[in-house]
């Protein structure tokens, strides 16, 4: 059975991306907001929920940038839909993971980052936020293939 998740690329009016720094497995990781798709929920609904609940922003989901499939040994097949979104309300907040207790929270920082800042950031996940994302954003809608298989 496939397990599904979402990630959301939220751009501000200065073309910066909303990034979240989390602490996982004794290291710091910068990523875009996201999480699992809950039963009875579409991936677009999950994307809106994750950004609102964890980051304090209301967003409008735009186009699908990537549908990433992973076949992880011992964990089965997984997919993540990565959407582009725009802010329609709220303001960035540290937020919390409702599935974790107060002393188990992993979110450390939330802020918008520029293309130049991302290029210099260690611990960026997924790494293609440094280059491939910007190429796609500059292309005409519908000119790239959003389907990827990652190992």
N, C-alpha and C. Protein backbone atom coordinates (compact mmCIF):
# COMPACT_ATOMS: atom_id res chain seq x y z
N UNK A 1 0.82 -1.18 0.00
CA UNK A 1 0.00 0.00 0.00
C UNK A 1 0.87 1.25 0.00
N UNK A 2 0.50 2.21 -0.79
CA UNK A 2 1.24 3.46 -0.89
C UNK A 2 0.94 4.36 0.31
N UNK A 3 1.98 4.99 0.85
CA UNK A 3 1.83 6.00 1.88
C UNK A 3 2.07 7.34 1.22
N UNK A 4 1.21 8.33 1.49
CA UNK A 4 1.32 9.61 0.79
C UNK A 4 1.63 10.77 1.70
N UNK A 5 2.32 11.73 1.12
CA UNK A 5 2.65 12.96 1.83
C UNK A 5 2.62 14.15 0.89
N UNK A 6 2.77 15.31 1.46
CA UNK A 6 2.80 16.54 0.68
C UNK A 6 3.92 17.44 1.17
N UNK A 7 4.38 18.29 0.30
CA UNK A 7 5.28 19.39 0.61
C UNK A 7 4.73 20.58 -0.15
N UNK A 8 4.93 21.78 0.40
CA UNK A 8 4.36 22.97 -0.22
C UNK A 8 5.42 24.05 -0.36
N UNK A 9 5.60 24.50 -1.59
CA UNK A 9 6.51 25.60 -1.87
C UNK A 9 5.68 26.87 -1.86
N UNK A 10 5.86 27.67 -0.80
CA UNK A 10 5.11 28.90 -0.62
C UNK A 10 6.02 30.07 -0.95
N UNK A 11 5.64 30.82 -1.96
CA UNK A 11 6.43 31.99 -2.37
C UNK A 11 5.81 33.26 -1.79
N UNK A 12 6.68 34.19 -1.37
CA UNK A 12 6.17 35.50 -0.95
C UNK A 12 6.29 36.46 -2.13
N UNK A 13 5.95 37.74 -1.91
CA UNK A 13 5.98 38.70 -3.01
C UNK A 13 7.38 39.10 -3.44
N UNK A 14 8.40 38.63 -2.72
CA UNK A 14 9.79 38.88 -3.11
C UNK A 14 10.43 37.63 -3.72
N UNK A 15 9.60 36.64 -4.07
CA UNK A 15 10.04 35.39 -4.68
C UNK A 15 10.95 34.57 -3.76
N UNK A 16 10.71 34.69 -2.46
CA UNK A 16 11.42 33.87 -1.47
C UNK A 16 10.51 32.72 -1.09
N UNK A 17 11.11 31.64 -0.61
CA UNK A 17 10.38 30.42 -0.26
C UNK A 17 10.29 30.26 1.25
N UNK A 18 9.11 29.88 1.71
CA UNK A 18 8.92 29.61 3.14
C UNK A 18 9.67 28.32 3.49
N UNK A 19 10.60 28.41 4.41
CA UNK A 19 11.41 27.28 4.82
C UNK A 19 11.24 27.03 6.31
N UNK A 20 11.39 25.77 6.69
CA UNK A 20 11.24 25.34 8.07
C UNK A 20 12.51 24.58 8.46
N UNK A 21 13.11 25.00 9.59
CA UNK A 21 14.27 24.25 10.11
C UNK A 21 13.77 23.31 11.19
N UNK A 22 14.08 22.03 11.02
CA UNK A 22 13.68 21.00 11.97
C UNK A 22 14.90 20.26 12.48
N UNK A 23 14.76 19.69 13.65
CA UNK A 23 15.83 18.88 14.23
C UNK A 23 15.39 17.43 14.20
N UNK A 24 16.06 16.63 13.38
CA UNK A 24 15.74 15.21 13.24
C UNK A 24 17.02 14.39 13.35
N UNK A 25 16.96 13.33 14.10
CA UNK A 25 18.07 12.37 14.19
C UNK A 25 19.42 13.07 14.38
N UNK A 26 19.45 13.96 15.35
CA UNK A 26 20.66 14.67 15.75
C UNK A 26 21.24 15.58 14.67
N UNK A 27 20.42 16.04 13.74
CA UNK A 27 20.89 17.00 12.74
C UNK A 27 19.79 17.99 12.43
N UNK A 28 20.19 19.12 11.86
CA UNK A 28 19.26 20.17 11.48
C UNK A 28 18.97 20.05 9.99
N UNK A 29 17.70 20.13 9.63
CA UNK A 29 17.28 20.01 8.24
C UNK A 29 16.39 21.20 7.90
N UNK A 30 16.67 21.84 6.77
CA UNK A 30 15.80 22.89 6.23
C UNK A 30 14.95 22.27 5.15
N UNK A 31 13.64 22.47 5.22
CA UNK A 31 12.73 21.93 4.23
C UNK A 31 11.54 22.85 4.07
N UNK A 32 10.70 22.56 3.11
CA UNK A 32 9.46 23.32 2.95
C UNK A 32 8.38 22.65 3.81
N UNK A 33 7.32 23.38 4.17
CA UNK A 33 6.26 22.80 4.99
C UNK A 33 5.64 21.57 4.34
N UNK A 34 5.20 20.66 5.15
CA UNK A 34 4.55 19.47 4.62
C UNK A 34 4.28 18.44 5.70
N UNK A 35 3.74 17.31 5.26
CA UNK A 35 3.42 16.24 6.18
C UNK A 35 2.60 15.17 5.48
N UNK A 36 2.02 14.30 6.27
CA UNK A 36 1.27 13.17 5.73
C UNK A 36 -0.15 13.54 5.32
N UNK A 37 -0.67 12.75 4.40
CA UNK A 37 -2.06 12.88 3.98
C UNK A 37 -2.89 12.01 4.91
N UNK A 38 -3.92 12.61 5.51
CA UNK A 38 -4.76 11.88 6.45
C UNK A 38 -5.87 11.14 5.71
N UNK A 39 -6.41 10.07 6.32
CA UNK A 39 -7.50 9.32 5.68
C UNK A 39 -8.67 10.25 5.31
N UNK A 40 -9.19 10.07 4.10
CA UNK A 40 -10.32 10.85 3.62
C UNK A 40 -9.97 12.23 3.10
N UNK A 41 -8.70 12.52 3.00
CA UNK A 41 -8.23 13.85 2.62
C UNK A 41 -7.51 13.76 1.27
N UNK A 42 -7.67 14.77 0.41
CA UNK A 42 -6.90 14.83 -0.83
C UNK A 42 -5.53 15.41 -0.53
N UNK A 43 -4.60 15.25 -1.45
CA UNK A 43 -3.27 15.80 -1.23
C UNK A 43 -3.32 17.33 -1.20
N UNK A 44 -4.21 17.94 -1.97
CA UNK A 44 -4.33 19.41 -1.94
C UNK A 44 -4.90 19.87 -0.60
N UNK A 45 -5.87 19.15 -0.06
CA UNK A 45 -6.41 19.48 1.27
C UNK A 45 -5.31 19.36 2.33
N UNK A 46 -4.53 18.30 2.23
CA UNK A 46 -3.44 18.09 3.19
C UNK A 46 -2.42 19.22 3.11
N UNK A 47 -2.13 19.68 1.91
CA UNK A 47 -1.16 20.77 1.73
C UNK A 47 -1.65 22.04 2.42
N UNK A 48 -2.91 22.40 2.23
CA UNK A 48 -3.48 23.58 2.88
C UNK A 48 -3.44 23.41 4.40
N UNK A 49 -3.86 22.25 4.89
CA UNK A 49 -3.89 21.98 6.33
C UNK A 49 -2.51 22.07 6.95
N UNK A 50 -1.52 21.46 6.31
CA UNK A 50 -0.17 21.44 6.88
C UNK A 50 0.41 22.84 6.99
N UNK A 51 0.22 23.67 5.98
CA UNK A 51 0.77 25.02 6.04
C UNK A 51 0.05 25.84 7.10
N UNK A 52 -1.26 25.70 7.21
CA UNK A 52 -2.05 26.46 8.20
C UNK A 52 -1.75 25.99 9.62
N UNK A 53 -1.84 24.70 9.86
CA UNK A 53 -1.69 24.19 11.22
C UNK A 53 -0.27 24.36 11.75
N UNK A 54 0.70 24.09 10.91
CA UNK A 54 2.07 24.09 11.39
C UNK A 54 2.79 25.42 11.20
N UNK A 55 2.30 26.28 10.28
CA UNK A 55 3.05 27.49 9.96
C UNK A 55 2.23 28.78 10.06
N UNK A 56 0.92 28.68 10.32
CA UNK A 56 0.10 29.85 10.55
C UNK A 56 -0.33 30.61 9.31
N UNK A 57 -0.15 30.04 8.13
CA UNK A 57 -0.51 30.73 6.89
C UNK A 57 -1.67 30.05 6.19
N UNK A 58 -2.54 30.86 5.60
CA UNK A 58 -3.57 30.36 4.69
C UNK A 58 -2.99 30.45 3.29
N UNK A 59 -3.11 29.38 2.52
CA UNK A 59 -2.54 29.37 1.17
C UNK A 59 -3.56 28.89 0.15
N UNK A 60 -3.33 29.32 -1.08
CA UNK A 60 -4.08 28.81 -2.23
C UNK A 60 -3.11 27.91 -2.98
N UNK A 61 -3.51 26.66 -3.19
CA UNK A 61 -2.65 25.70 -3.88
C UNK A 61 -2.71 25.96 -5.38
N UNK A 62 -1.55 26.03 -5.99
CA UNK A 62 -1.45 26.22 -7.43
C UNK A 62 -1.13 24.90 -8.10
N UNK A 63 -0.13 24.93 -8.91
CA UNK A 63 0.19 23.75 -9.70
C UNK A 63 1.04 22.72 -8.95
N UNK A 64 0.94 21.49 -9.42
CA UNK A 64 1.78 20.40 -8.93
C UNK A 64 3.15 20.55 -9.57
N UNK A 65 4.19 20.69 -8.73
CA UNK A 65 5.54 20.80 -9.26
C UNK A 65 6.19 19.44 -9.44
N UNK A 66 5.98 18.56 -8.44
CA UNK A 66 6.56 17.22 -8.52
C UNK A 66 5.62 16.21 -7.86
N UNK A 67 5.59 15.03 -8.42
CA UNK A 67 5.01 13.85 -7.77
C UNK A 67 6.19 12.89 -7.66
N UNK A 68 6.72 12.76 -6.46
CA UNK A 68 7.94 11.99 -6.23
C UNK A 68 7.58 10.64 -5.64
N UNK A 69 7.99 9.57 -6.30
CA UNK A 69 7.76 8.22 -5.80
C UNK A 69 9.07 7.66 -5.28
N UNK A 70 8.97 7.00 -4.13
CA UNK A 70 10.14 6.37 -3.52
C UNK A 70 9.77 4.95 -3.14
N UNK A 71 10.67 4.04 -3.45
CA UNK A 71 10.50 2.65 -3.04
C UNK A 71 11.56 2.39 -1.98
N UNK A 72 11.15 2.51 -0.71
CA UNK A 72 12.08 2.40 0.40
C UNK A 72 12.11 0.98 0.93
N UNK A 73 13.29 0.42 0.99
CA UNK A 73 13.44 -0.95 1.47
C UNK A 73 12.95 -1.05 2.91
N UNK A 74 12.09 -2.00 3.15
CA UNK A 74 11.56 -2.23 4.48
C UNK A 74 10.39 -1.33 4.87
N UNK A 75 10.11 -0.30 4.07
CA UNK A 75 9.02 0.61 4.40
C UNK A 75 7.94 0.63 3.33
N UNK A 76 8.19 0.05 2.20
CA UNK A 76 7.20 0.02 1.14
C UNK A 76 7.20 1.29 0.30
N UNK A 77 6.29 1.34 -0.66
CA UNK A 77 6.26 2.48 -1.56
C UNK A 77 5.64 3.72 -0.91
N UNK A 78 6.23 4.87 -1.23
CA UNK A 78 5.75 6.14 -0.71
C UNK A 78 5.72 7.16 -1.85
N UNK A 79 4.85 8.15 -1.71
CA UNK A 79 4.88 9.26 -2.66
C UNK A 79 4.70 10.57 -1.92
N UNK A 80 5.23 11.62 -2.53
CA UNK A 80 5.07 12.97 -2.01
C UNK A 80 4.69 13.87 -3.18
N UNK A 81 3.57 14.59 -3.03
CA UNK A 81 3.19 15.60 -4.01
C UNK A 81 3.71 16.94 -3.51
N UNK A 82 4.45 17.63 -4.37
CA UNK A 82 5.01 18.92 -4.01
C UNK A 82 4.31 19.98 -4.85
N UNK A 83 3.59 20.87 -4.15
CA UNK A 83 2.77 21.90 -4.79
C UNK A 83 3.40 23.28 -4.66
N UNK A 84 3.04 24.14 -5.58
CA UNK A 84 3.34 25.56 -5.48
C UNK A 84 2.11 26.24 -4.89
N UNK A 85 2.31 27.18 -3.97
CA UNK A 85 1.18 27.85 -3.32
C UNK A 85 1.50 29.33 -3.11
N UNK A 86 0.44 30.11 -2.97
CA UNK A 86 0.59 31.53 -2.64
C UNK A 86 -0.14 31.82 -1.35
N UNK A 87 0.37 32.79 -0.60
CA UNK A 87 -0.22 33.18 0.67
C UNK A 87 -1.47 34.01 0.42
N UNK A 88 -2.57 33.66 1.10
CA UNK A 88 -3.79 34.45 1.01
C UNK A 88 -4.23 34.98 2.37
N UNK A 89 -3.45 34.69 3.43
CA UNK A 89 -3.77 35.20 4.76
C UNK A 89 -2.83 34.65 5.81
N UNK A 90 -2.90 35.23 7.00
CA UNK A 90 -2.08 34.79 8.11
C UNK A 90 -0.68 35.38 8.05
N UNK A 91 0.16 34.95 8.98
CA UNK A 91 1.56 35.37 8.98
C UNK A 91 2.40 34.19 9.46
N UNK A 92 3.66 34.11 8.97
CA UNK A 92 4.50 32.95 9.34
C UNK A 92 4.67 32.83 10.84
N UNK A 93 4.53 31.62 11.33
CA UNK A 93 4.67 31.35 12.76
C UNK A 93 5.45 30.06 12.95
N UNK A 94 6.07 29.93 14.10
CA UNK A 94 6.84 28.73 14.39
C UNK A 94 5.95 27.50 14.37
N UNK A 95 4.78 27.57 14.92
CA UNK A 95 3.86 26.45 14.88
C UNK A 95 4.37 25.25 15.66
N UNK A 96 3.62 24.17 15.56
CA UNK A 96 4.01 22.95 16.26
C UNK A 96 3.45 21.76 15.50
N UNK A 97 3.99 20.61 15.79
CA UNK A 97 3.53 19.37 15.20
C UNK A 97 2.50 18.78 16.14
N UNK A 98 1.22 18.71 15.73
CA UNK A 98 0.19 18.23 16.64
C UNK A 98 0.34 16.75 17.02
N UNK A 99 1.16 16.03 16.29
CA UNK A 99 1.37 14.61 16.58
C UNK A 99 2.46 14.39 17.62
N UNK A 100 3.08 15.48 18.09
CA UNK A 100 4.17 15.37 19.07
C UNK A 100 3.82 16.17 20.33
N UNK A 101 4.33 15.69 21.45
CA UNK A 101 4.12 16.41 22.70
C UNK A 101 5.00 17.67 22.71
N UNK A 102 4.75 18.56 23.68
CA UNK A 102 5.50 19.82 23.75
C UNK A 102 7.01 19.60 23.84
N UNK A 103 7.44 18.58 24.56
CA UNK A 103 8.88 18.34 24.71
C UNK A 103 9.48 17.50 23.58
N UNK A 104 8.66 17.12 22.60
CA UNK A 104 9.15 16.34 21.45
C UNK A 104 9.10 17.14 20.15
N UNK A 105 8.82 18.43 20.20
CA UNK A 105 8.71 19.25 19.00
C UNK A 105 10.06 19.33 18.27
N UNK A 106 10.00 19.34 16.94
CA UNK A 106 11.22 19.35 16.14
C UNK A 106 11.37 20.64 15.31
N UNK A 107 10.31 21.44 15.21
CA UNK A 107 10.37 22.67 14.43
C UNK A 107 11.11 23.74 15.23
N UNK A 108 12.19 24.28 14.63
CA UNK A 108 13.04 25.24 15.33
C UNK A 108 12.93 26.66 14.79
N UNK A 109 12.66 26.79 13.50
CA UNK A 109 12.64 28.11 12.90
C UNK A 109 11.80 28.06 11.62
N UNK A 110 11.12 29.16 11.33
CA UNK A 110 10.35 29.31 10.10
C UNK A 110 10.66 30.68 9.53
N UNK A 111 11.06 30.72 8.26
CA UNK A 111 11.31 32.02 7.62
C UNK A 111 11.36 31.87 6.11
N UNK A 112 11.18 33.00 5.43
CA UNK A 112 11.30 33.02 3.98
C UNK A 112 12.78 33.16 3.62
N UNK A 113 13.21 32.39 2.60
CA UNK A 113 14.60 32.42 2.16
C UNK A 113 14.67 32.66 0.65
N UNK A 114 15.66 33.41 0.23
CA UNK A 114 15.87 33.72 -1.18
C UNK A 114 16.61 32.58 -1.88
N UNK A 115 16.63 32.64 -3.18
CA UNK A 115 17.37 31.66 -3.98
C UNK A 115 18.84 31.64 -3.56
N UNK A 116 19.43 32.82 -3.34
CA UNK A 116 20.83 32.90 -2.93
C UNK A 116 21.04 32.27 -1.56
N UNK A 117 20.12 32.52 -0.62
CA UNK A 117 20.24 31.91 0.70
C UNK A 117 20.14 30.39 0.64
N UNK A 118 19.21 29.89 -0.18
CA UNK A 118 19.07 28.44 -0.32
C UNK A 118 20.33 27.80 -0.90
N UNK A 119 20.97 28.48 -1.83
CA UNK A 119 22.18 27.96 -2.45
C UNK A 119 23.30 27.77 -1.43
N UNK A 120 23.28 28.55 -0.36
CA UNK A 120 24.31 28.50 0.68
C UNK A 120 23.90 27.66 1.90
N UNK A 121 22.71 27.09 1.87
CA UNK A 121 22.17 26.40 3.05
C UNK A 121 22.60 24.94 3.10
N UNK A 122 23.17 24.55 4.22
CA UNK A 122 23.49 23.14 4.47
C UNK A 122 22.26 22.45 5.03
N UNK A 123 22.14 21.16 4.79
CA UNK A 123 21.03 20.40 5.33
C UNK A 123 19.71 20.68 4.64
N UNK A 124 19.75 21.06 3.37
CA UNK A 124 18.53 21.38 2.62
C UNK A 124 17.91 20.10 2.07
N UNK A 125 16.60 19.95 2.29
CA UNK A 125 15.88 18.78 1.79
C UNK A 125 14.57 19.22 1.16
N UNK A 126 14.28 18.79 -0.03
CA UNK A 126 15.15 18.05 -0.94
C UNK A 126 16.19 18.98 -1.58
N UNK A 127 17.30 18.42 -1.96
CA UNK A 127 18.42 19.22 -2.47
C UNK A 127 18.07 19.94 -3.76
N UNK A 128 17.07 19.44 -4.50
CA UNK A 128 16.75 20.09 -5.78
C UNK A 128 16.03 21.42 -5.60
N UNK A 129 15.83 21.87 -4.35
CA UNK A 129 15.32 23.23 -4.12
C UNK A 129 16.38 24.27 -4.48
N UNK A 130 17.63 23.84 -4.52
CA UNK A 130 18.72 24.78 -4.84
C UNK A 130 18.77 25.14 -6.32
N UNK A 131 18.39 24.22 -7.19
CA UNK A 131 18.57 24.50 -8.62
C UNK A 131 17.35 24.15 -9.46
N UNK A 132 16.92 22.92 -9.41
CA UNK A 132 15.85 22.45 -10.28
C UNK A 132 14.55 23.24 -10.08
N UNK A 133 14.24 23.59 -8.85
CA UNK A 133 13.03 24.36 -8.57
C UNK A 133 13.02 25.66 -9.36
N UNK A 134 14.11 26.38 -9.35
CA UNK A 134 14.16 27.69 -9.99
C UNK A 134 14.03 27.56 -11.51
N UNK A 135 14.58 26.49 -12.06
CA UNK A 135 14.42 26.24 -13.50
C UNK A 135 12.95 26.04 -13.84
N UNK A 136 12.24 25.29 -13.01
CA UNK A 136 10.82 25.02 -13.25
C UNK A 136 9.99 26.29 -13.11
N UNK A 137 10.29 27.11 -12.10
CA UNK A 137 9.53 28.33 -11.89
C UNK A 137 9.67 29.30 -13.05
N UNK A 138 10.80 29.24 -13.76
CA UNK A 138 11.04 30.13 -14.89
C UNK A 138 10.42 29.61 -16.19
N UNK A 139 10.05 28.34 -16.22
CA UNK A 139 9.46 27.75 -17.43
C UNK A 139 7.97 28.03 -17.51
N UNK A 140 7.46 27.95 -18.69
CA UNK A 140 6.03 28.08 -18.90
C UNK A 140 5.32 26.87 -18.26
N UNK A 141 4.17 27.13 -17.67
CA UNK A 141 3.39 26.06 -17.04
C UNK A 141 3.17 24.93 -18.03
N UNK A 142 3.36 23.70 -17.56
CA UNK A 142 3.11 22.53 -18.40
C UNK A 142 4.28 22.09 -19.26
N UNK A 143 5.44 22.72 -19.10
CA UNK A 143 6.58 22.35 -19.94
C UNK A 143 7.58 21.44 -19.24
N UNK A 144 7.31 21.05 -18.00
CA UNK A 144 8.21 20.10 -17.35
C UNK A 144 7.40 18.88 -16.90
N UNK A 145 8.08 17.77 -16.74
CA UNK A 145 7.45 16.54 -16.29
C UNK A 145 7.52 16.48 -14.76
N UNK A 146 6.37 16.51 -14.07
CA UNK A 146 6.40 16.54 -12.61
C UNK A 146 6.64 15.17 -11.97
N UNK A 147 6.70 14.10 -12.75
CA UNK A 147 6.82 12.76 -12.17
C UNK A 147 8.29 12.38 -12.03
N UNK A 148 8.66 11.99 -10.79
CA UNK A 148 10.04 11.59 -10.49
C UNK A 148 10.02 10.30 -9.69
N UNK A 149 11.02 9.51 -9.89
CA UNK A 149 11.25 8.35 -9.05
C UNK A 149 12.59 8.60 -8.37
N UNK A 150 12.58 8.61 -7.04
CA UNK A 150 13.81 8.85 -6.26
C UNK A 150 14.14 7.58 -5.49
N UNK A 151 15.40 7.33 -5.30
CA UNK A 151 15.85 6.18 -4.52
C UNK A 151 16.24 6.63 -3.13
